[in-house]
């Protein structure tokens, strides 16, 4: 169920019989047709064990199950919204950035140390993202939230991408990430913060970067 952009801060998605979506609670702005919204206690296609894993990882952002026949408009907090269409690969994204996604996608969590080793763990502590991140895998659409809009940067084996950890939103594909130290003029004069570290992403995929260093 692809999302239609209404403006930079609102999207609309169709919903039909036999289909369902998941959205962050409070993200529904309006709807047309016969649509129901119920609290989701299992957290998506991952089932109860995935829910337990997300709670242990502090990645259990409350979700609503959306079902019926009609269309639903989503938005939250005036944040900019970016949509991602998955064709079988995995999207790695923080749970609080998820606005809505197809119910066909398999949801889970990933330990940051499995992508980037010890520095992956340090990255989670430095950026405030924690030790785990949410994963969505399969075929379907995802709407994520960001500050100031999002740019998509392709990642290839020949061209890795370096991102300010505070500006990182999500990535997808066969990508490894690691935190690297960077010493620049801001650190030399004691004015730096996030620029002391860079997130290096290598492999084959895409990274989504927001036009801000502000967390949601």
C-alpha atoms as a PDB file:
ATOM      1  CA  UNK A   1       0.000   0.000   0.000  1.00  0.00           C
ATOM      2  CA  UNK A   2       2.104   2.937  -1.201  1.00  0.00           C
ATOM      3  CA  UNK A   3       1.806   6.308   0.502  1.00  0.00           C
ATOM      4  CA  UNK A   4       0.668   9.414  -1.365  1.00  0.00           C
ATOM      5  CA  UNK A   5       2.327  12.669  -0.362  1.00  0.00           C
ATOM      6  CA  UNK A   6      -0.196  15.367   0.600  1.00  0.00           C
ATOM      7  CA  UNK A   7       2.487  17.828   1.638  1.00  0.00           C
ATOM      8  CA  UNK A   8       5.878  17.616   3.326  1.00  0.00           C
ATOM      9  CA  UNK A   9       4.269  16.736   6.675  1.00  0.00           C
ATOM     10  CA  UNK A  10       1.260  14.611   5.693  1.00  0.00           C
ATOM     11  CA  UNK A  11       0.831  11.378   3.734  1.00  0.00           C
ATOM     12  CA  UNK A  12      -2.211   9.323   2.774  1.00  0.00           C
ATOM     13  CA  UNK A  13      -2.478   5.557   2.385  1.00  0.00           C
ATOM     14  CA  UNK A  14      -5.311   3.375   1.011  1.00  0.00           C
ATOM     15  CA  UNK A  15      -6.583   0.466   3.076  1.00  0.00           C
ATOM     16  CA  UNK A  16      -8.702  -2.378   1.728  1.00  0.00           C
ATOM     17  CA  UNK A  17     -10.372  -5.604   2.861  1.00  0.00           C
ATOM     18  CA  UNK A  18      -7.831  -8.146   4.037  1.00  0.00           C
ATOM     19  CA  UNK A  19      -5.136  -5.509   4.394  1.00  0.00           C
ATOM     20  CA  UNK A  20      -3.771  -3.813   7.469  1.00  0.00           C
ATOM     21  CA  UNK A  21      -1.242  -1.193   8.438  1.00  0.00           C
ATOM     22  CA  UNK A  22       0.542  -0.217  11.602  1.00  0.00           C
ATOM     23  CA  UNK A  23       0.997   3.382  12.709  1.00  0.00           C
ATOM     24  CA  UNK A  24       2.428   5.203  15.657  1.00  0.00           C
ATOM     25  CA  UNK A  25      -0.320   6.008  18.139  1.00  0.00           C
ATOM     26  CA  UNK A  26      -1.626   9.507  17.598  1.00  0.00           C
ATOM     27  CA  UNK A  27      -0.434   9.603  13.976  1.00  0.00           C
ATOM     28  CA  UNK A  28      -3.910   9.440  12.387  1.00  0.00           C
ATOM     29  CA  UNK A  29      -4.980  12.918  11.249  1.00  0.00           C
ATOM     30  CA  UNK A  30      -8.102  12.035   9.252  1.00  0.00           C
ATOM     31  CA  UNK A  31      -9.633   9.160   7.311  1.00  0.00           C
ATOM     32  CA  UNK A  32     -12.286   8.361   4.727  1.00  0.00           C
ATOM     33  CA  UNK A  33     -14.419   5.246   4.580  1.00  0.00           C
ATOM     34  CA  UNK A  34     -14.916   2.499   7.139  1.00  0.00           C
ATOM     35  CA  UNK A  35     -11.620   2.270   8.995  1.00  0.00           C
ATOM     36  CA  UNK A  36     -10.877   0.953  12.489  1.00  0.00           C
ATOM     37  CA  UNK A  37      -7.941   1.671  14.793  1.00  0.00           C
ATOM     38  CA  UNK A  38      -7.017  -0.690  17.619  1.00  0.00           C
ATOM     39  CA  UNK A  39      -4.031  -0.786  19.992  1.00  0.00           C
ATOM     40  CA  UNK A  40      -1.476  -3.334  18.842  1.00  0.00           C
ATOM     41  CA  UNK A  41      -0.077  -5.546  21.593  1.00  0.00           C
ATOM     42  CA  UNK A  42       2.171  -7.765  19.471  1.00  0.00           C
ATOM     43  CA  UNK A  43       3.847  -4.979  17.488  1.00  0.00           C
ATOM     44  CA  UNK A  44       3.490  -6.093  13.879  1.00  0.00           C
ATOM     45  CA  UNK A  45       4.349  -9.212  11.905  1.00  0.00           C
ATOM     46  CA  UNK A  46       7.134 -10.181  14.302  1.00  0.00           C
ATOM     47  CA  UNK A  47       4.568 -11.532  16.771  1.00  0.00           C
ATOM     48  CA  UNK A  48       4.824 -11.801  20.528  1.00  0.00           C
ATOM     49  CA  UNK A  49       8.524 -12.728  20.644  1.00  0.00           C
ATOM     50  CA  UNK A  50       9.409  -9.725  18.500  1.00  0.00           C
ATOM     51  CA  UNK A  51       7.353  -7.550  20.846  1.00  0.00           C
ATOM     52  CA  UNK A  52       9.245  -8.903  23.873  1.00  0.00           C
ATOM     53  CA  UNK A  53      12.545  -8.274  22.101  1.00  0.00           C
ATOM     54  CA  UNK A  54      11.567  -4.693  21.321  1.00  0.00           C
ATOM     55  CA  UNK A  55      10.484  -4.049  24.896  1.00  0.00           C
ATOM     56  CA  UNK A  56      13.753  -5.416  26.267  1.00  0.00           C
ATOM     57  CA  UNK A  57      15.583  -3.242  23.734  1.00  0.00           C
ATOM     58  CA  UNK A  58      13.457  -0.175  24.620  1.00  0.00           C
ATOM     59  CA  UNK A  59      12.264  -0.097  21.007  1.00  0.00           C
ATOM     60  CA  UNK A  60       8.587  -0.657  21.829  1.00  0.00           C
ATOM     61  CA  UNK A  61       7.003   2.541  20.521  1.00  0.00           C
ATOM     62  CA  UNK A  62       3.209   2.028  20.891  1.00  0.00           C
ATOM     63  CA  UNK A  63       1.510   1.083  17.625  1.00  0.00           C
ATOM     64  CA  UNK A  64      -2.030   1.063  16.302  1.00  0.00           C
ATOM     65  CA  UNK A  65      -3.417  -1.538  13.898  1.00  0.00           C
ATOM     66  CA  UNK A  66      -5.290   0.083  11.001  1.00  0.00           C
ATOM     67  CA  UNK A  67      -7.884  -1.999   9.127  1.00  0.00           C
ATOM     68  CA  UNK A  68     -10.990  -1.504   7.010  1.00  0.00           C
ATOM     69  CA  UNK A  69     -11.818   0.007   3.644  1.00  0.00           C
ATOM     70  CA  UNK A  70     -10.939   3.590   2.786  1.00  0.00           C
ATOM     71  CA  UNK A  71      -7.915   5.846   3.137  1.00  0.00           C
ATOM     72  CA  UNK A  72      -6.045   7.290   6.104  1.00  0.00           C
ATOM     73  CA  UNK A  73      -4.009  10.487   6.424  1.00  0.00           C
ATOM     74  CA  UNK A  74      -0.984  10.339   8.724  1.00  0.00           C
ATOM     75  CA  UNK A  75       1.270  12.939  10.328  1.00  0.00           C
ATOM     76  CA  UNK A  76       2.785  13.570  13.729  1.00  0.00           C
ATOM     77  CA  UNK A  77       4.197  16.557  15.572  1.00  0.00           C
ATOM     78  CA  UNK A  78       4.640  18.610  12.422  1.00  0.00           C
ATOM     79  CA  UNK A  79       7.664  16.496  11.461  1.00  0.00           C
ATOM     80  CA  UNK A  80       8.678  16.106   7.838  1.00  0.00           C
ATOM     81  CA  UNK A  81       7.750  12.723   6.376  1.00  0.00           C
ATOM     82  CA  UNK A  82       9.735  10.583   3.953  1.00  0.00           C
ATOM     83  CA  UNK A  83       8.452   7.368   2.374  1.00  0.00           C
ATOM     84  CA  UNK A  84      10.514   4.281   1.584  1.00  0.00           C
ATOM     85  CA  UNK A  85       9.365   1.456  -0.706  1.00  0.00           C
ATOM     86  CA  UNK A  86      10.978  -1.874   0.192  1.00  0.00           C
ATOM     87  CA  UNK A  87      11.268  -4.658  -2.391  1.00  0.00           C
ATOM     88  CA  UNK A  88      12.523  -7.416  -0.109  1.00  0.00           C
ATOM     89  CA  UNK A  89      15.468  -5.797   1.633  1.00  0.00           C
ATOM     90  CA  UNK A  90      15.690  -4.665   5.269  1.00  0.00           C
ATOM     91  CA  UNK A  91      15.215  -1.124   6.550  1.00  0.00           C
ATOM     92  CA  UNK A  92      17.033  -0.144   9.761  1.00  0.00           C
ATOM     93  CA  UNK A  93      15.313   2.741  11.557  1.00  0.00           C
ATOM     94  CA  UNK A  94      14.721   4.029  15.073  1.00  0.00           C
ATOM     95  CA  UNK A  95      11.293   3.053  16.416  1.00  0.00           C
ATOM     96  CA  UNK A  96      10.314   6.616  17.321  1.00  0.00           C
ATOM     97  CA  UNK A  97      10.879   7.682  13.697  1.00  0.00           C
ATOM     98  CA  UNK A  98       8.288   5.226  12.348  1.00  0.00           C
ATOM     99  CA  UNK A  99       5.079   6.983  11.368  1.00  0.00           C
ATOM    100  CA  UNK A 100       3.291   4.121   9.575  1.00  0.00           C
ATOM    101  CA  UNK A 101       4.119   0.985   7.582  1.00  0.00           C
ATOM    102  CA  UNK A 102       2.529  -1.906   5.722  1.00  0.00           C
ATOM    103  CA  UNK A 103       1.314  -4.794   7.836  1.00  0.00           C
ATOM    104  CA  UNK A 104       3.012  -7.192   5.415  1.00  0.00           C
ATOM    105  CA  UNK A 105       6.464  -6.155   6.654  1.00  0.00           C
ATOM    106  CA  UNK A 106       8.275  -8.249   9.243  1.00  0.00           C
ATOM    107  CA  UNK A 107       9.322  -6.156  12.230  1.00  0.00           C
ATOM    108  CA  UNK A 108      12.159  -6.922  14.627  1.00  0.00           C
ATOM    109  CA  UNK A 109      15.178  -5.488  16.440  1.00  0.00           C
ATOM    110  CA  UNK A 110      18.911  -5.567  15.798  1.00  0.00           C
ATOM    111  CA  UNK A 111      21.757  -5.209  18.280  1.00  0.00           C
ATOM    112  CA  UNK A 112      23.927  -2.286  17.190  1.00  0.00           C
ATOM    113  CA  UNK A 113      27.100  -4.281  17.861  1.00  0.00           C
ATOM    114  CA  UNK A 114      26.240  -6.663  15.019  1.00  0.00           C
ATOM    115  CA  UNK A 115      26.820  -3.838  12.534  1.00  0.00           C
ATOM    116  CA  UNK A 116      30.051  -2.140  13.412  1.00  0.00           C
ATOM    117  CA  UNK A 117      31.178  -4.179  16.416  1.00  0.00           C
ATOM    118  CA  UNK A 118      32.129  -2.338  19.577  1.00  0.00           C
ATOM    119  CA  UNK A 119      32.036   1.009  17.765  1.00  0.00           C
ATOM    120  CA  UNK A 120      28.452   0.238  16.809  1.00  0.00           C
ATOM    121  CA  UNK A 121      27.622   0.019  20.491  1.00  0.00           C
ATOM    122  CA  UNK A 122      29.517   3.237  21.197  1.00  0.00           C
ATOM    123  CA  UNK A 123      27.607   4.888  18.355  1.00  0.00           C
ATOM    124  CA  UNK A 124      24.327   4.088  20.069  1.00  0.00           C
ATOM    125  CA  UNK A 125      25.539   5.687  23.281  1.00  0.00           C
ATOM    126  CA  UNK A 126      27.034   8.763  21.591  1.00  0.00           C
ATOM    127  CA  UNK A 127      23.954   9.519  19.493  1.00  0.00           C
ATOM    128  CA  UNK A 128      21.380   8.597  22.137  1.00  0.00           C
ATOM    129  CA  UNK A 129      19.905   5.918  19.874  1.00  0.00           C
ATOM    130  CA  UNK A 130      20.590   3.149  22.362  1.00  0.00           C
ATOM    131  CA  UNK A 131      21.984  -0.337  21.814  1.00  0.00           C
ATOM    132  CA  UNK A 132      19.233  -1.587  19.499  1.00  0.00           C
ATOM    133  CA  UNK A 133      17.446  -0.408  16.367  1.00  0.00           C
ATOM    134  CA  UNK A 134      14.206  -1.487  14.690  1.00  0.00           C
ATOM    135  CA  UNK A 135      14.215  -3.506  11.465  1.00  0.00           C
ATOM    136  CA  UNK A 136      11.495  -3.823   8.813  1.00  0.00           C
ATOM    137  CA  UNK A 137      11.934  -6.503   6.164  1.00  0.00           C
ATOM    138  CA  UNK A 138       9.943  -7.558   3.096  1.00  0.00           C
ATOM    139  CA  UNK A 139       7.902  -5.882   0.394  1.00  0.00           C
ATOM    140  CA  UNK A 140       5.902  -2.813   1.340  1.00  0.00           C
ATOM    141  CA  UNK A 141       5.995   0.881   2.150  1.00  0.00           C
ATOM    142  CA  UNK A 142       7.234   2.743   5.204  1.00  0.00           C
ATOM    143  CA  UNK A 143       6.730   6.377   6.251  1.00  0.00           C
ATOM    144  CA  UNK A 144       9.433   7.789   8.525  1.00  0.00           C
ATOM    145  CA  UNK A 145       9.713  11.139  10.297  1.00  0.00           C
ATOM    146  CA  UNK A 146      12.598  13.600  10.232  1.00  0.00           C
ATOM    147  CA  UNK A 147      13.527  17.212  10.907  1.00  0.00           C
ATOM    148  CA  UNK A 148      13.881  19.494   7.901  1.00  0.00           C
ATOM    149  CA  UNK A 149      13.314  16.923   5.174  1.00  0.00           C
ATOM    150  CA  UNK A 150      15.368  13.940   3.992  1.00  0.00           C
ATOM    151  CA  UNK A 151      17.902  13.288   1.251  1.00  0.00           C
ATOM    152  CA  UNK A 152      18.656   9.786  -0.096  1.00  0.00           C
ATOM    153  CA  UNK A 153      22.331   8.986  -0.593  1.00  0.00           C
ATOM    154  CA  UNK A 154      23.306   5.773  -2.440  1.00  0.00           C
ATOM    155  CA  UNK A 155      25.979   3.577  -0.867  1.00  0.00           C
ATOM    156  CA  UNK A 156      28.247   1.461  -3.087  1.00  0.00           C
ATOM    157  CA  UNK A 157      31.395  -0.580  -2.385  1.00  0.00           C
ATOM    158  CA  UNK A 158      33.385   2.048  -4.267  1.00  0.00           C
ATOM    159  CA  UNK A 159      31.699   5.014  -2.599  1.00  0.00           C
ATOM    160  CA  UNK A 160      30.975   4.691   1.141  1.00  0.00           C
ATOM    161  CA  UNK A 161      29.057   7.542   2.769  1.00  0.00           C
ATOM    162  CA  UNK A 162      29.984   9.448   5.932  1.00  0.00           C
ATOM    163  CA  UNK A 163      27.106  10.926   7.923  1.00  0.00           C
ATOM    164  CA  UNK A 164      26.849  13.030  11.054  1.00  0.00           C
ATOM    165  CA  UNK A 165      25.301  10.550  13.546  1.00  0.00           C
ATOM    166  CA  UNK A 166      22.810  13.187  14.664  1.00  0.00           C
ATOM    167  CA  UNK A 167      21.568  13.623  11.074  1.00  0.00           C
ATOM    168  CA  UNK A 168      21.197   9.889  10.383  1.00  0.00           C
ATOM    169  CA  UNK A 169      17.580   8.738   9.914  1.00  0.00           C
ATOM    170  CA  UNK A 170      17.700   5.193   8.500  1.00  0.00           C
ATOM    171  CA  UNK A 171      19.392   2.931   5.985  1.00  0.00           C
ATOM    172  CA  UNK A 172      18.515  -0.108   3.913  1.00  0.00           C
ATOM    173  CA  UNK A 173      20.296  -2.798   1.966  1.00  0.00           C
ATOM    174  CA  UNK A 174      23.457  -4.805   2.586  1.00  0.00           C
ATOM    175  CA  UNK A 175      25.224  -2.090   4.547  1.00  0.00           C
ATOM    176  CA  UNK A 176      27.734  -2.078   7.365  1.00  0.00           C
ATOM    177  CA  UNK A 177      28.104   0.946   9.586  1.00  0.00           C
ATOM    178  CA  UNK A 178      30.779   1.993  12.014  1.00  0.00           C
ATOM    179  CA  UNK A 179      31.550   5.046  14.074  1.00  0.00           C
ATOM    180  CA  UNK A 180      34.824   6.814  13.335  1.00  0.00           C
ATOM    181  CA  UNK A 181      36.486   9.648  15.205  1.00  0.00           C
ATOM    182  CA  UNK A 182      36.999  12.926  13.396  1.00  0.00           C
ATOM    183  CA  UNK A 183      39.027  15.868  14.680  1.00  0.00           C
ATOM    184  CA  UNK A 184      38.089  19.186  13.115  1.00  0.00           C
ATOM    185  CA  UNK A 185      38.394  22.867  13.849  1.00  0.00           C
ATOM    186  CA  UNK A 186      35.305  22.854  16.053  1.00  0.00           C
ATOM    187  CA  UNK A 187      36.872  20.293  18.387  1.00  0.00           C
ATOM    188  CA  UNK A 188      40.130  22.237  18.431  1.00  0.00           C
ATOM    189  CA  UNK A 189      38.391  25.353  19.743  1.00  0.00           C
ATOM    190  CA  UNK A 190      36.015  23.457  22.004  1.00  0.00           C
ATOM    191  CA  UNK A 191      32.824  24.234  20.087  1.00  0.00           C
ATOM    192  CA  UNK A 192      32.062  20.815  18.631  1.00  0.00           C
ATOM    193  CA  UNK A 193      29.547  18.115  19.476  1.00  0.00           C
ATOM    194  CA  UNK A 194      28.421  15.598  16.875  1.00  0.00           C
ATOM    195  CA  UNK A 195      31.232  16.501  14.484  1.00  0.00           C
ATOM    196  CA  UNK A 196      33.659  14.661  16.791  1.00  0.00           C
ATOM    197  CA  UNK A 197      32.305  11.434  15.266  1.00  0.00           C
ATOM    198  CA  UNK A 198      31.229  10.324  11.814  1.00  0.00           C
ATOM    199  CA  UNK A 199      29.064   7.385  10.857  1.00  0.00           C
ATOM    200  CA  UNK A 200      30.674   5.506   7.977  1.00  0.00           C
ATOM    201  CA  UNK A 201      28.321   3.346   5.893  1.00  0.00           C
ATOM    202  CA  UNK A 202      29.745   0.929   3.346  1.00  0.00           C
ATOM    203  CA  UNK A 203      28.398  -1.852   1.138  1.00  0.00           C
ATOM    204  CA  UNK A 204      25.392  -1.665  -1.167  1.00  0.00           C
ATOM    205  CA  UNK A 205      22.237   0.240  -0.284  1.00  0.00           C
ATOM    206  CA  UNK A 206      20.836   3.632   0.661  1.00  0.00           C
ATOM    207  CA  UNK A 207      21.104   5.953   3.648  1.00  0.00           C
ATOM    208  CA  UNK A 208      18.513   8.572   4.584  1.00  0.00           C
ATOM    209  CA  UNK A 209      19.850  11.808   6.063  1.00  0.00           C
ATOM    210  CA  UNK A 210      17.810  14.626   7.585  1.00  0.00           C
ATOM    211  CA  UNK A 211      18.601  18.337   7.179  1.00  0.00           C
ATOM    212  CA  UNK A 212      19.094  18.783  10.908  1.00  0.00           C
ATOM    213  CA  UNK A 213      21.082  17.485  13.879  1.00  0.00           C
ATOM    214  CA  UNK A 214      17.988  17.449  16.083  1.00  0.00           C
ATOM    215  CA  UNK A 215      16.537  14.261  17.521  1.00  0.00           C
ATOM    216  CA  UNK A 216      12.787  13.643  17.433  1.00  0.00           C
END
